[in-house]
Amino acid sequence: MASKKILVSQARPESEKSPYFDLERKYNVSLFFQPLIQLVPIGAKDFRKTKIDISEYTAVVFTSKNAIDHFFRTCDELKVSINQDTKYFCITESVALYLQKFIMYRKRKVFFGADGTNKKLFDVLNKHKANERFLYVCSENQQDNEIVNWLKDHACKFDLAYMYRSESTDIKVLLKENKFDVICLFTPSGLKSVYDNQPDFKQNGTAIAAFGSNTCKAVQEAGLTLQIQVPSPQTPSMVSGLDQFLAQQRKKK
């Protein structure tokens, strides 16, 4: 069966030129954009309790644009000035380029993995680990344990900075009214939200797409079959992963 309804667990792109809409036209599918989680900021008052002095860190690790937003929000609330020599290590080029919203982007202080995988991020971190003190900005209830373990195993000087937390969005009506052929997940919290909204969720032929090693692992540990795994050298983005999947379905017709 060709896929007709696809749930993308992100906000609808603001630009109609988004490649997601090219997919809709190319394969005659319907995309539903709905975040499965909502991020709740941890305010300056609560962050101060962690005793973390942001100005003491020489490098910051980001695995999402949300982490960037909350990092600079927290800095503003705390009235912390970021040293211009601070280095930024990002999971993808897209996340790295998002920094332009907040800083003067200079390649000598912004680094990212070549293909969006943790392994490539580690290759970049490895070159700088001896000289930096890292602050890994993440959600209070969701951080990438693979990254944490790598920092520990390689004797890096680092701390976790919890600046926000995730909560499941109420999408019960959406799931009740639509039988999705593909569900695109970007975080383990997104998968948790599916079960929070539909505790008896069964895959029943629904294709699961997952972005990032932690999300893929969560899908597999839940006993679900993973059809689309991104990023990879051939499919660096969710759009390219969907494109390849839908193209293969078309060939089978």
C-alpha atoms as a PDB file:
ATOM      1  CA  MET A   1       0.000   0.000   0.000  1.00  0.00           C
ATOM      2  CA  ALA A   2       1.281   3.409  -0.971  1.00  0.00           C
ATOM      3  CA  SER A   3       1.509   5.890   1.891  1.00  0.00           C
ATOM      4  CA  LYS A   4      -1.089   8.660   1.841  1.00  0.00           C
ATOM      5  CA  LYS A   5      -1.015  10.269   5.299  1.00  0.00           C
ATOM      6  CA  ILE A   6       2.277  11.198   6.940  1.00  0.00           C
ATOM      7  CA  LEU A   7       2.635  12.672  10.435  1.00  0.00           C
ATOM      8  CA  VAL A   8       5.708  14.888  10.793  1.00  0.00           C
ATOM      9  CA  SER A   9       6.230  15.641  14.485  1.00  0.00           C
ATOM     10  CA  GLN A  10       7.463  19.179  13.973  1.00  0.00           C
ATOM     11  CA  ALA A  11       5.869  22.572  13.463  1.00  0.00           C
ATOM     12  CA  ARG A  12       4.655  23.319   9.953  1.00  0.00           C
ATOM     13  CA  PRO A  13       7.424  25.030   7.929  1.00  0.00           C
ATOM     14  CA  GLU A  14       6.875  28.761   7.592  1.00  0.00           C
ATOM     15  CA  SER A  15       8.007  28.840   3.976  1.00  0.00           C
ATOM     16  CA  GLU A  16       5.913  27.216   1.275  1.00  0.00           C
ATOM     17  CA  LYS A  17       9.220  26.524  -0.478  1.00  0.00           C
ATOM     18  CA  SER A  18      10.051  23.878   2.113  1.00  0.00           C
ATOM     19  CA  PRO A  19      11.166  20.580   0.530  1.00  0.00           C
ATOM     20  CA  TYR A  20       8.453  18.867   2.556  1.00  0.00           C
ATOM     21  CA  PHE A  21       5.862  20.432   0.263  1.00  0.00           C
ATOM     22  CA  ASP A  22       7.805  19.250  -2.772  1.00  0.00           C
ATOM     23  CA  LEU A  23       7.316  15.727  -1.404  1.00  0.00           C
ATOM     24  CA  GLU A  24       3.568  16.284  -1.122  1.00  0.00           C
ATOM     25  CA  ARG A  25       3.323  17.251  -4.777  1.00  0.00           C
ATOM     26  CA  LYS A  26       5.799  14.642  -6.018  1.00  0.00           C
ATOM     27  CA  TYR A  27       4.101  11.647  -4.367  1.00  0.00           C
ATOM     28  CA  ASN A  28       0.555  12.975  -3.891  1.00  0.00           C
ATOM     29  CA  VAL A  29       0.642  12.486  -0.123  1.00  0.00           C
ATOM     30  CA  SER A  30      -0.790  14.530   2.740  1.00  0.00           C
ATOM     31  CA  LEU A  31       1.605  15.783   5.400  1.00  0.00           C
ATOM     32  CA  PHE A  32       0.310  16.602   8.879  1.00  0.00           C
ATOM     33  CA  PHE A  33       2.674  18.769  10.935  1.00  0.00           C
ATOM     34  CA  GLN A  34       2.187  18.425  14.688  1.00  0.00           C
ATOM     35  CA  PRO A  35       4.823  18.656  17.430  1.00  0.00           C
ATOM     36  CA  LEU A  36       4.440  15.689  19.765  1.00  0.00           C
ATOM     37  CA  ILE A  37       6.164  17.443  22.636  1.00  0.00           C
ATOM     38  CA  GLN A  38       6.200  20.957  24.003  1.00  0.00           C
ATOM     39  CA  LEU A  39       9.249  22.449  25.625  1.00  0.00           C
ATOM     40  CA  VAL A  40       8.879  24.175  28.955  1.00  0.00           C
ATOM     41  CA  PRO A  41      11.683  26.597  29.844  1.00  0.00           C
ATOM     42  CA  ILE A  42      13.533  26.238  33.134  1.00  0.00           C
ATOM     43  CA  GLY A  43      13.724  29.765  34.457  1.00  0.00           C
ATOM     44  CA  ALA A  44      16.803  31.587  35.695  1.00  0.00           C
ATOM     45  CA  LYS A  45      15.753  31.173  39.336  1.00  0.00           C
ATOM     46  CA  ASP A  46      15.735  27.378  39.073  1.00  0.00           C
ATOM     47  CA  PHE A  47      18.814  27.248  36.861  1.00  0.00           C
ATOM     48  CA  ARG A  48      20.824  29.161  39.469  1.00  0.00           C
ATOM     49  CA  LYS A  49      20.243  26.255  41.860  1.00  0.00           C
ATOM     50  CA  THR A  50      22.485  24.087  39.669  1.00  0.00           C
ATOM     51  CA  LYS A  51      25.456  26.318  40.624  1.00  0.00           C
ATOM     52  CA  ILE A  52      26.595  26.344  36.972  1.00  0.00           C
ATOM     53  CA  ASP A  53      28.462  29.497  35.962  1.00  0.00           C
ATOM     54  CA  ILE A  54      28.034  29.661  32.185  1.00  0.00           C
ATOM     55  CA  SER A  55      30.918  32.110  31.819  1.00  0.00           C
ATOM     56  CA  GLU A  56      33.381  29.487  33.077  1.00  0.00           C
ATOM     57  CA  TYR A  57      32.909  27.228  30.035  1.00  0.00           C
ATOM     58  CA  THR A  58      34.961  27.603  26.882  1.00  0.00           C
ATOM     59  CA  ALA A  59      32.749  25.452  24.638  1.00  0.00           C
ATOM     60  CA  VAL A  60      29.060  24.602  24.294  1.00  0.00           C
ATOM     61  CA  VAL A  61      27.555  21.450  22.753  1.00  0.00           C
ATOM     62  CA  PHE A  62      24.197  21.684  20.945  1.00  0.00           C
ATOM     63  CA  THR A  63      22.172  18.830  19.467  1.00  0.00           C
ATOM     64  CA  SER A  64      19.134  20.906  18.468  1.00  0.00           C
ATOM     65  CA  LYS A  65      17.961  24.409  17.586  1.00  0.00           C
ATOM     66  CA  ASN A  66      15.756  24.293  20.692  1.00  0.00           C
ATOM     67  CA  ALA A  67      18.858  23.920  22.849  1.00  0.00           C
ATOM     68  CA  ILE A  68      20.334  27.018  21.193  1.00  0.00           C
ATOM     69  CA  ASP A  69      17.153  29.028  21.847  1.00  0.00           C
ATOM     70  CA  HIS A  70      17.082  28.084  25.525  1.00  0.00           C
ATOM     71  CA  PHE A  71      20.803  28.616  26.007  1.00  0.00           C
ATOM     72  CA  PHE A  72      20.672  32.225  24.849  1.00  0.00           C
ATOM     73  CA  ARG A  73      17.359  32.803  26.651  1.00  0.00           C
ATOM     74  CA  THR A  74      18.971  31.630  29.879  1.00  0.00           C
ATOM     75  CA  CYS A  75      22.011  33.831  29.270  1.00  0.00           C
ATOM     76  CA  ASP A  76      19.730  36.842  28.782  1.00  0.00           C
ATOM     77  CA  GLU A  77      17.753  36.074  31.947  1.00  0.00           C
ATOM     78  CA  LEU A  78      20.968  35.669  33.942  1.00  0.00           C
ATOM     79  CA  LYS A  79      22.550  38.686  32.239  1.00  0.00           C
ATOM     80  CA  VAL A  80      25.556  36.552  31.290  1.00  0.00           C
ATOM     81  CA  SER A  81      27.844  37.842  28.544  1.00  0.00           C
ATOM     82  CA  ILE A  82      29.282  35.105  26.351  1.00  0.00           C
ATOM     83  CA  ASN A  83      32.998  35.342  25.639  1.00  0.00           C
ATOM     84  CA  GLN A  84      33.608  35.959  21.940  1.00  0.00           C
ATOM     85  CA  ASP A  85      36.144  33.123  21.921  1.00  0.00           C
ATOM     86  CA  THR A  86      33.585  30.544  23.067  1.00  0.00           C
ATOM     87  CA  LYS A  87      33.460  27.552  20.729  1.00  0.00           C
ATOM     88  CA  TYR A  88      30.221  25.885  19.643  1.00  0.00           C
ATOM     89  CA  PHE A  89      29.961  22.200  18.692  1.00  0.00           C
ATOM     90  CA  CYS A  90      26.768  21.220  16.844  1.00  0.00           C
ATOM     91  CA  ILE A  91      25.299  17.913  15.724  1.00  0.00           C
ATOM     92  CA  THR A  92      24.541  19.127  12.175  1.00  0.00           C
ATOM     93  CA  GLU A  93      25.395  22.006   9.875  1.00  0.00           C
ATOM     94  CA  SER A  94      21.759  23.127  10.021  1.00  0.00           C
ATOM     95  CA  VAL A  95      21.947  23.485  13.805  1.00  0.00           C
ATOM     96  CA  ALA A  96      25.295  25.264  13.486  1.00  0.00           C
ATOM     97  CA  LEU A  97      23.930  27.785  10.980  1.00  0.00           C
ATOM     98  CA  TYR A  98      21.049  28.538  13.352  1.00  0.00           C
ATOM     99  CA  LEU A  99      23.620  30.159  15.643  1.00  0.00           C
ATOM    100  CA  GLN A 100      23.670  33.100  13.232  1.00  0.00           C
ATOM    101  CA  LYS A 101      20.463  34.218  14.920  1.00  0.00           C
ATOM    102  CA  PHE A 102      22.460  34.934  18.080  1.00  0.00           C
ATOM    103  CA  ILE A 103      26.171  35.363  17.276  1.00  0.00           C
ATOM    104  CA  MET A 104      28.577  36.505  14.625  1.00  0.00           C
ATOM    105  CA  TYR A 105      29.139  33.218  12.811  1.00  0.00           C
ATOM    106  CA  ARG A 106      32.832  32.441  12.409  1.00  0.00           C
ATOM    107  CA  LYS A 107      33.997  29.051  11.211  1.00  0.00           C
ATOM    108  CA  ARG A 108      36.969  29.059  13.544  1.00  0.00           C
ATOM    109  CA  LYS A 109      34.638  28.844  16.540  1.00  0.00           C
ATOM    110  CA  VAL A 110      31.637  26.914  15.170  1.00  0.00           C
ATOM    111  CA  PHE A 111      32.050  23.189  14.445  1.00  0.00           C
ATOM    112  CA  PHE A 112      29.683  20.446  13.342  1.00  0.00           C
ATOM    113  CA  GLY A 113      29.704  16.791  12.376  1.00  0.00           C
ATOM    114  CA  ALA A 114      30.044  15.971   8.688  1.00  0.00           C
ATOM    115  CA  ASP A 115      26.891  13.869   8.360  1.00  0.00           C
ATOM    116  CA  GLY A 116      24.726  14.580  11.407  1.00  0.00           C
ATOM    117  CA  THR A 117      25.707  11.441  13.316  1.00  0.00           C
ATOM    118  CA  ASN A 118      27.124  11.349  16.831  1.00  0.00           C
ATOM    119  CA  LYS A 119      30.229   9.605  15.496  1.00  0.00           C
ATOM    120  CA  LYS A 120      31.145  12.541  13.291  1.00  0.00           C
ATOM    121  CA  LEU A 121      30.441  14.973  16.120  1.00  0.00           C
ATOM    122  CA  PHE A 122      32.810  12.947  18.306  1.00  0.00           C
ATOM    123  CA  ASP A 123      35.500  13.219  15.616  1.00  0.00           C
ATOM    124  CA  VAL A 124      35.262  17.004  15.881  1.00  0.00           C
ATOM    125  CA  LEU A 125      35.102  17.050  19.678  1.00  0.00           C
ATOM    126  CA  ASN A 126      38.111  14.745  19.853  1.00  0.00           C
ATOM    127  CA  LYS A 127      40.323  17.378  18.233  1.00  0.00           C
ATOM    128  CA  HIS A 128      39.492  19.935  20.931  1.00  0.00           C
ATOM    129  CA  LYS A 129      38.771  17.896  24.066  1.00  0.00           C
ATOM    130  CA  ALA A 130      42.127  18.566  25.745  1.00  0.00           C
ATOM    131  CA  ASN A 131      41.785  22.346  25.744  1.00  0.00           C
ATOM    132  CA  GLU A 132      38.097  22.967  26.365  1.00  0.00           C
ATOM    133  CA  ARG A 133      35.616  22.871  29.206  1.00  0.00           C
ATOM    134  CA  PHE A 134      32.294  21.803  27.664  1.00  0.00           C
ATOM    135  CA  LEU A 135      28.742  22.722  28.604  1.00  0.00           C
ATOM    136  CA  TYR A 136      26.233  20.291  27.078  1.00  0.00           C
ATOM    137  CA  VAL A 137      22.852  22.045  26.854  1.00  0.00           C
ATOM    138  CA  CYS A 138      19.944  19.609  27.000  1.00  0.00           C
ATOM    139  CA  SER A 139      16.479  18.846  28.288  1.00  0.00           C
ATOM    140  CA  GLU A 140      16.033  17.953  31.940  1.00  0.00           C
ATOM    141  CA  ASN A 141      14.301  14.702  30.984  1.00  0.00           C
ATOM    142  CA  GLN A 142      15.994  13.972  27.673  1.00  0.00           C
ATOM    143  CA  GLN A 143      19.686  14.042  26.853  1.00  0.00           C
ATOM    144  CA  ASP A 144      21.744  11.960  24.478  1.00  0.00           C
ATOM    145  CA  ASN A 145      23.377   9.348  26.699  1.00  0.00           C
ATOM    146  CA  GLU A 146      25.764   8.379  23.925  1.00  0.00           C
ATOM    147  CA  ILE A 147      27.208  11.890  23.978  1.00  0.00           C
ATOM    148  CA  VAL A 148      27.350  11.954  27.780  1.00  0.00           C
ATOM    149  CA  ASN A 149      29.131   8.601  27.868  1.00  0.00           C
ATOM    150  CA  TRP A 150      31.616   9.696  25.206  1.00  0.00           C
ATOM    151  CA  LEU A 151      32.502  12.829  27.170  1.00  0.00           C
ATOM    152  CA  LYS A 152      32.991  10.718  30.294  1.00  0.00           C
ATOM    153  CA  ASP A 153      34.988   7.982  28.566  1.00  0.00           C
ATOM    154  CA  HIS A 154      37.330  10.500  26.978  1.00  0.00           C
ATOM    155  CA  ALA A 155      38.011  12.344  30.237  1.00  0.00           C
ATOM    156  CA  CYS A 156      36.510  15.597  28.992  1.00  0.00           C
ATOM    157  CA  LYS A 157      35.854  18.435  31.387  1.00  0.00           C
ATOM    158  CA  PHE A 158      32.092  18.942  31.036  1.00  0.00           C
ATOM    159  CA  ASP A 159      28.784  19.574  32.753  1.00  0.00           C
ATOM    160  CA  LEU A 160      25.152  19.121  31.730  1.00  0.00           C
ATOM    161  CA  ALA A 161      23.056  22.275  31.598  1.00  0.00           C
ATOM    162  CA  TYR A 162      19.334  21.585  31.962  1.00  0.00           C
ATOM    163  CA  MET A 163      17.617  24.668  30.550  1.00  0.00           C
ATOM    164  CA  TYR A 164      14.242  23.204  29.509  1.00  0.00           C
ATOM    165  CA  ARG A 165      12.095  20.101  29.875  1.00  0.00           C
ATOM    166  CA  SER A 166       9.758  18.318  27.491  1.00  0.00           C
ATOM    167  CA  GLU A 167       6.100  17.432  28.014  1.00  0.00           C
ATOM    168  CA  SER A 168       3.813  15.394  25.778  1.00  0.00           C
ATOM    169  CA  THR A 169       1.373  17.342  23.593  1.00  0.00           C
ATOM    170  CA  ASP A 170      -2.288  16.330  23.639  1.00  0.00           C
ATOM    171  CA  ILE A 171      -2.867  14.834  20.164  1.00  0.00           C
ATOM    172  CA  LYS A 172      -5.546  12.278  21.055  1.00  0.00           C
ATOM    173  CA  VAL A 173      -8.071  13.717  18.593  1.00  0.00           C
ATOM    174  CA  LEU A 174      -5.530  13.822  15.757  1.00  0.00           C
ATOM    175  CA  LEU A 175      -4.586  10.177  16.264  1.00  0.00           C
ATOM    176  CA  LYS A 176      -8.227   9.109  16.606  1.00  0.00           C
ATOM    177  CA  GLU A 177      -9.347  10.836  13.417  1.00  0.00           C
ATOM    178  CA  ASN A 178      -6.407   9.784  11.225  1.00  0.00           C
ATOM    179  CA  LYS A 179      -4.751   6.486  10.393  1.00  0.00           C
ATOM    180  CA  PHE A 180      -1.192   7.560   9.579  1.00  0.00           C
ATOM    181  CA  ASP A 181       0.807   5.495   7.113  1.00  0.00           C
ATOM    182  CA  VAL A 182       4.085   7.058   8.287  1.00  0.00           C
ATOM    183  CA  ILE A 183       5.003   8.693  11.608  1.00  0.00           C
ATOM    184  CA  CYS A 184       8.210  10.757  11.666  1.00  0.00           C
ATOM    185  CA  LEU A 185       9.882  11.005  15.065  1.00  0.00           C
ATOM    186  CA  PHE A 186      12.757  13.287  16.002  1.00  0.00           C
ATOM    187  CA  THR A 187      13.264  12.497  19.690  1.00  0.00           C
ATOM    188  CA  PRO A 188      12.593   9.627  22.116  1.00  0.00           C
ATOM    189  CA  SER A 189      10.164  12.009  23.846  1.00  0.00           C
ATOM    190  CA  GLY A 190       8.143  12.080  20.628  1.00  0.00           C
ATOM    191  CA  LEU A 191       7.701   8.323  20.810  1.00  0.00           C
ATOM    192  CA  LYS A 192       6.743   8.584  24.488  1.00  0.00           C
ATOM    193  CA  SER A 193       4.108  11.143  23.498  1.00  0.00           C
ATOM    194  CA  VAL A 194       2.559   8.692  21.021  1.00  0.00           C
ATOM    195  CA  TYR A 195       2.085   6.179  23.835  1.00  0.00           C
ATOM    196  CA  ASP A 196       0.960   8.853  26.309  1.00  0.00           C
ATOM    197  CA  ASN A 197      -1.803   9.801  23.864  1.00  0.00           C
ATOM    198  CA  GLN A 198      -2.578   6.275  22.685  1.00  0.00           C
ATOM    199  CA  PRO A 199      -1.465   3.737  25.317  1.00  0.00           C
ATOM    200  CA  ASP A 200      -2.671   0.825  23.171  1.00  0.00           C
ATOM    201  CA  PHE A 201      -0.769   2.031  20.075  1.00  0.00           C
ATOM    202  CA  LYS A 202       0.067  -0.801  17.695  1.00  0.00           C
ATOM    203  CA  GLN A 203       2.173  -0.317  14.590  1.00  0.00           C
ATOM    204  CA  ASN A 204      -0.145  -2.370  12.344  1.00  0.00           C
ATOM    205  CA  GLY A 205       1.674  -1.493   9.137  1.00  0.00           C
ATOM    206  CA  THR A 206       2.482   2.103  10.044  1.00  0.00           C
ATOM    207  CA  ALA A 207       5.997   2.954   8.892  1.00  0.00           C
ATOM    208  CA  ILE A 208       8.170   4.595  11.537  1.00  0.00           C
ATOM    209  CA  ALA A 209      10.822   7.142  10.592  1.00  0.00           C
ATOM    210  CA  ALA A 210      13.325   8.166  13.276  1.00  0.00           C
ATOM    211  CA  PHE A 211      15.964  10.874  13.335  1.00  0.00           C
ATOM    212  CA  GLY A 212      19.093  10.349  15.418  1.00  0.00           C
ATOM    213  CA  SER A 213      20.610   7.325  17.102  1.00  0.00           C
ATOM    214  CA  ASN A 214      18.748   7.797  20.403  1.00  0.00           C
ATOM    215  CA  THR A 215      15.368   8.034  18.680  1.00  0.00           C
ATOM    216  CA  CYS A 216      16.117   4.961  16.557  1.00  0.00           C
ATOM    217  CA  LYS A 217      17.156   3.055  19.676  1.00  0.00           C
ATOM    218  CA  ALA A 218      13.959   4.060  21.506  1.00  0.00           C
ATOM    219  CA  VAL A 219      11.828   2.855  18.583  1.00  0.00           C
ATOM    220  CA  GLN A 220      13.576  -0.511  18.501  1.00  0.00           C
ATOM    221  CA  GLU A 221      13.443  -0.937  22.291  1.00  0.00           C
ATOM    222  CA  ALA A 222       9.687  -0.341  22.113  1.00  0.00           C
ATOM    223  CA  GLY A 223       9.445  -3.398  19.876  1.00  0.00           C
ATOM    224  CA  LEU A 224       8.522  -1.389  16.785  1.00  0.00           C
ATOM    225  CA  THR A 225       9.886  -1.908  13.278  1.00  0.00           C
ATOM    226  CA  LEU A 226      11.985   0.990  12.007  1.00  0.00           C
ATOM    227  CA  GLN A 227      11.598   1.602   8.270  1.00  0.00           C
ATOM    228  CA  ILE A 228      13.343   4.968   7.876  1.00  0.00           C
ATOM    229  CA  GLN A 229      16.535   5.700   9.810  1.00  0.00           C
ATOM    230  CA  VAL A 230      18.160   9.115   9.413  1.00  0.00           C
ATOM    231  CA  PRO A 231      20.621  10.663   9.146  1.00  0.00           C
ATOM    232  CA  SER A 232      22.766   8.400   7.012  1.00  0.00           C
ATOM    233  CA  PRO A 233      25.285   9.118   4.243  1.00  0.00           C
ATOM    234  CA  GLN A 234      22.538   8.519   1.662  1.00  0.00           C
ATOM    235  CA  THR A 235      19.739  10.228   3.599  1.00  0.00           C
ATOM    236  CA  PRO A 236      21.093  13.136   5.659  1.00  0.00           C
ATOM    237  CA  SER A 237      17.653  14.569   6.467  1.00  0.00           C
ATOM    238  CA  MET A 238      14.123  13.423   7.237  1.00  0.00           C
ATOM    239  CA  VAL A 239      13.000  14.793   3.859  1.00  0.00           C
ATOM    240  CA  SER A 240      15.568  12.726   1.979  1.00  0.00           C
ATOM    241  CA  GLY A 241      14.673   9.652   4.043  1.00  0.00           C
ATOM    242  CA  LEU A 242      10.990  10.053   3.196  1.00  0.00           C
ATOM    243  CA  ASP A 243      11.822  10.705  -0.452  1.00  0.00           C
ATOM    244  CA  GLN A 244      13.773   7.459  -0.714  1.00  0.00           C
ATOM    245  CA  PHE A 245      11.059   5.488   1.122  1.00  0.00           C
ATOM    246  CA  LEU A 246       8.219   6.853  -1.014  1.00  0.00           C
ATOM    247  CA  ALA A 247      10.215   6.295  -4.200  1.00  0.00           C
ATOM    248  CA  GLN A 248      10.712   2.632  -3.271  1.00  0.00           C
ATOM    249  CA  GLN A 249       6.976   2.276  -2.589  1.00  0.00           C
ATOM    250  CA  ARG A 250       6.213   3.717  -6.011  1.00  0.00           C
ATOM    251  CA  LYS A 251       8.514   1.200  -7.698  1.00  0.00           C
ATOM    252  CA  LYS A 252       6.650  -1.679  -6.046  1.00  0.00           C
ATOM    253  CA  LYS A 253       3.324  -0.639  -7.549  1.00  0.00           C
END
